[in-house]
Protein backbone atom coordinates (compact mmCIF):
# COMPACT_ATOMS: atom_id res chain seq x y z
CA UNK A 1 -1.32 -2.79 -5.82
CA UNK A 2 -1.24 -2.04 -9.59
CA UNK A 3 -2.81 0.22 -12.29
CA UNK A 4 -0.69 -1.12 -14.79
CA UNK A 5 -2.25 -1.71 -18.34
CA UNK A 6 -0.91 -5.36 -18.26
CA UNK A 7 1.66 -8.41 -17.01
CA UNK A 8 4.57 -6.72 -18.66
CA UNK A 9 4.84 -3.40 -17.57
CA UNK A 10 3.81 -5.17 -14.08
CA UNK A 11 6.27 -6.95 -13.59
CA UNK A 12 9.38 -4.11 -15.08
CA UNK A 13 7.69 -2.10 -12.15
CA UNK A 14 8.01 -4.48 -9.53
CA UNK A 15 11.62 -5.54 -10.50
CA UNK A 16 12.34 -1.36 -9.54
CA UNK A 17 10.27 -1.46 -6.38
CA UNK A 18 10.24 -2.07 -2.82
CA UNK A 19 6.63 -3.32 -1.60
CA UNK A 20 4.39 -6.17 -2.39
CA UNK A 21 1.51 -6.04 -5.17
CA UNK A 22 -1.27 -8.17 -5.55
CA UNK A 23 -0.41 -10.38 -8.43
CA UNK A 24 -1.50 -8.47 -11.74
CA UNK A 25 -3.65 -11.26 -12.16
CA UNK A 26 -5.98 -10.51 -9.49
CA UNK A 27 -7.60 -7.15 -11.41
CA UNK A 28 -10.82 -7.84 -10.07
CA UNK A 29 -9.62 -7.91 -6.49
CA UNK A 30 -7.90 -4.95 -7.27
CA UNK A 31 -11.04 -2.73 -8.83
CA UNK A 32 -12.24 -4.71 -4.81
CA UNK A 33 -9.92 -2.61 -2.91
CA UNK A 34 -9.80 0.62 -4.53
CA UNK A 35 -13.54 0.86 -4.05
CA UNK A 36 -13.99 0.03 -1.09
CA UNK A 37 -10.65 2.89 0.03
CA UNK A 38 -12.14 5.88 -2.39
CA UNK A 39 -8.65 5.37 -4.35
CA UNK A 40 -9.16 8.05 -7.30
CA UNK A 41 -5.91 8.11 -9.04
CA UNK A 42 -2.36 7.46 -8.26
CA UNK A 43 0.11 6.89 -6.29
CA UNK A 44 -2.42 6.56 -3.80
CA UNK A 45 -1.64 5.11 0.45
CA UNK A 46 -3.99 3.40 2.67
CA UNK A 47 -2.93 3.11 6.00
CA UNK A 48 -4.59 0.34 7.84
CA UNK A 49 -4.60 -0.43 11.29
CA UNK A 50 -3.33 -3.83 11.11
CA UNK A 51 -4.76 -5.08 14.49
CA UNK A 52 -7.77 -4.03 13.78
CA UNK A 53 -7.97 -3.79 9.63
CA UNK A 54 -9.64 -0.02 10.65
CA UNK A 55 -8.22 3.01 8.38
CA UNK A 56 -6.37 4.68 9.97
CA UNK A 57 -5.48 7.30 6.72
CA UNK A 58 -7.10 7.42 3.47
CA UNK A 59 -4.08 9.70 2.72
CA UNK A 60 -1.02 8.49 4.11
CA UNK A 61 0.90 9.63 1.62
CA UNK A 62 1.04 13.54 3.63
CA UNK A 63 -0.54 11.59 7.62
CA UNK A 64 1.30 12.71 10.28
CA UNK A 65 3.25 10.06 11.52
CA UNK A 66 3.29 9.42 15.09
CA UNK A 67 7.36 9.91 16.58
CA UNK A 68 7.27 6.68 18.95
CA UNK A 69 6.48 4.56 15.21
CA UNK A 70 8.89 5.31 12.84
CA UNK A 71 11.13 8.07 14.67
CA UNK A 72 8.99 10.91 13.18
CA UNK A 73 9.72 10.07 9.24
CA UNK A 74 8.21 10.42 5.81
CA UNK A 75 5.32 8.32 4.62
CA UNK A 76 8.01 5.89 3.07
CA UNK A 77 9.77 5.95 6.24
CA UNK A 78 6.47 4.20 7.84
CA UNK A 79 6.13 2.00 4.71
CA UNK A 80 9.02 -0.42 4.65
CA UNK A 81 8.20 -0.20 8.58
CA UNK A 82 5.40 -2.07 7.97
CA UNK A 83 7.10 -4.28 5.47
CA UNK A 84 9.59 -5.20 7.85
CA UNK A 85 7.08 -6.49 9.91
CA UNK A 86 4.23 -7.23 7.79
CA UNK A 87 2.89 -10.82 8.23
CA UNK A 88 0.63 -12.81 6.05
CA UNK A 89 -2.74 -14.60 7.07
CA UNK A 90 -4.46 -16.48 5.77
């Protein structure tokens, strides 16, 4: 999700970032999700269970990571691991 103020800012930012984002035009969905997960500022990283949708952590940037999942690495490493396994469901 993005907190950019306009689509040009969003597009420029996303050119530099390795992760996926909701399209800028889906601002209403961004607001709904921010409220749902209690996002108060940026950056924020909410970790969800991909099978159940349950919240693992609302503070994923400092959540301890299980060694079995990502070698005990940083949240950024986990994010890359998740992105590699990402499956879009409609």
